[in-house]
Protein backbone atom coordinates (compact mmCIF):
# COMPACT_ATOMS: atom_id res chain seq x y z
CA MET A 1 -26.54 -7.80 -1.38
CA SER A 2 -26.87 -4.70 -3.55
CA MET A 3 -27.53 -1.17 -2.44
CA THR A 4 -30.77 0.61 -3.11
CA PHE A 5 -30.82 3.67 -5.34
CA ALA A 6 -31.08 5.96 -2.29
CA GLN A 7 -28.08 4.28 -0.68
CA GLN A 8 -26.08 4.70 -3.89
CA VAL A 9 -26.96 8.40 -4.07
CA VAL A 10 -25.98 8.93 -0.43
CA THR A 11 -22.72 7.03 -0.90
CA ILE A 12 -21.77 9.04 -3.98
CA ALA A 13 -22.74 12.32 -2.26
CA LEU A 14 -20.57 11.50 0.76
CA CYS A 15 -17.63 10.61 -1.49
CA VAL A 16 -18.05 13.90 -3.36
CA LEU A 17 -18.27 15.88 -0.11
CA GLY A 18 -15.20 14.14 1.30
CA THR A 19 -13.19 14.76 -1.85
CA MET A 20 -14.27 18.38 -2.20
CA GLY A 21 -13.64 19.01 1.49
CA THR A 22 -10.07 17.78 1.30
CA ARG A 23 -9.48 19.87 -1.82
CA PHE A 24 -10.96 23.13 -0.53
CA LEU A 25 -10.06 22.98 3.17
CA PRO A 26 -6.40 24.02 2.73
CA PHE A 27 -7.48 27.12 0.82
CA LEU A 28 -9.91 28.05 3.55
CA VAL A 29 -7.50 27.38 6.43
CA PHE A 30 -4.39 28.88 4.80
CA SER A 31 -5.67 31.95 3.02
CA GLY A 32 -3.39 34.32 1.12
CA LYS A 33 -3.78 36.97 3.81
CA ARG A 34 -1.35 35.36 6.22
CA PRO A 35 1.83 33.34 5.65
CA THR A 36 1.77 29.56 5.66
CA PRO A 37 3.13 28.17 8.96
CA ARG A 38 6.68 26.84 8.85
CA TYR A 39 5.67 23.32 9.94
CA VAL A 40 3.22 23.09 7.02
CA GLN A 41 5.98 24.20 4.63
CA TYR A 42 8.27 21.56 6.16
CA LEU A 43 5.62 18.86 5.74
CA GLY A 44 5.15 19.92 2.12
CA LYS A 45 8.84 19.30 1.50
CA ALA A 46 9.37 16.19 3.65
CA LEU A 47 6.21 14.13 3.15
CA PRO A 48 6.52 13.32 -0.58
CA ALA A 49 9.88 11.60 -0.09
CA ALA A 50 8.71 9.88 3.09
CA ILE A 51 5.55 8.57 1.45
CA PHE A 52 7.51 7.38 -1.58
CA GLY A 53 9.95 5.56 0.72
CA MET A 54 7.06 3.97 2.61
CA LEU A 55 5.57 2.84 -0.71
CA VAL A 56 8.85 1.16 -1.67
CA VAL A 57 9.03 -0.65 1.67
CA TYR A 58 5.38 -1.72 1.35
CA CYS A 59 5.93 -3.05 -2.17
CA LEU A 60 9.03 -5.03 -1.19
CA ARG A 61 7.73 -6.44 2.10
CA ASN A 62 6.96 -9.92 0.72
CA VAL A 63 9.83 -10.25 -1.77
CA ASP A 64 12.24 -13.08 -1.02
CA PHE A 65 15.55 -11.92 -2.44
CA LEU A 66 17.28 -15.21 -1.60
CA SER A 67 14.98 -17.49 -3.60
CA GLY A 68 15.83 -18.05 -7.27
CA SER A 69 15.37 -15.04 -9.53
CA ARG A 70 12.74 -13.54 -7.22
CA GLY A 71 13.58 -9.99 -6.45
CA LEU A 72 15.53 -9.42 -9.65
CA SER A 73 12.51 -7.89 -11.40
CA GLU A 74 11.89 -5.66 -8.42
CA LEU A 75 15.52 -4.52 -8.20
CA LEU A 76 15.68 -3.77 -11.93
CA ALA A 77 12.43 -1.80 -11.77
CA ILE A 78 13.65 0.15 -8.74
CA ALA A 79 16.90 0.96 -10.53
CA ALA A 80 14.97 2.10 -13.60
CA THR A 81 12.65 4.23 -11.46
CA ALA A 82 15.58 5.87 -9.67
CA GLY A 83 17.48 6.37 -12.92
CA LEU A 84 14.51 7.95 -14.67
CA HIS A 85 13.89 10.22 -11.71
CA LEU A 86 17.50 11.35 -11.52
CA TRP A 87 17.54 11.93 -15.26
CA LYS A 88 14.21 13.70 -15.83
CA ARG A 89 13.09 14.73 -12.31
CA GLN A 90 9.46 13.91 -13.14
CA MET A 91 7.86 11.67 -10.54
CA LEU A 92 4.99 10.50 -12.76
CA LEU A 93 7.38 9.49 -15.53
CA SER A 94 9.70 7.64 -13.16
CA ILE A 95 6.89 5.77 -11.40
CA ALA A 96 5.18 4.87 -14.69
CA GLY A 97 8.47 3.79 -16.29
CA GLY A 98 9.42 1.58 -13.36
CA THR A 99 5.94 0.07 -13.22
CA VAL A 100 5.87 -0.70 -16.94
CA LEU A 101 9.34 -2.26 -16.78
CA TYR A 102 8.34 -4.37 -13.77
CA MET A 103 5.17 -5.60 -15.48
CA LEU A 104 7.11 -6.49 -18.62
CA LEU A 105 9.78 -8.34 -16.63
CA VAL A 106 7.26 -10.29 -14.57
CA GLN A 107 5.14 -11.23 -17.58
CA THR A 108 7.92 -12.11 -20.02
CA VAL A 109 11.28 -12.82 -18.43
CA PHE A 110 10.98 -13.90 -14.80
């Protein structure tokens, strides 16, 4: 069942409003006139690592490390991701490098 043109327009408008709202709301709530609360500063420092850790756990939840070579691709990609991050300290590079290595290992070797 496809959406009508009006439904498509409303859907796109709501997506735009939701995206713009999440982008502009912090600037409206935390203006430059007053200091950012300490708990928001703490969340800004703690959440990236916590979310990255949760992503690793989510990605490895169905990997059976005790069955054949399963898990070896994942472990090598994780090691590459960690190594790239420790070396360059650029999250996008480390995530992309680990992902590319994993895809190559899964498609060619394991």
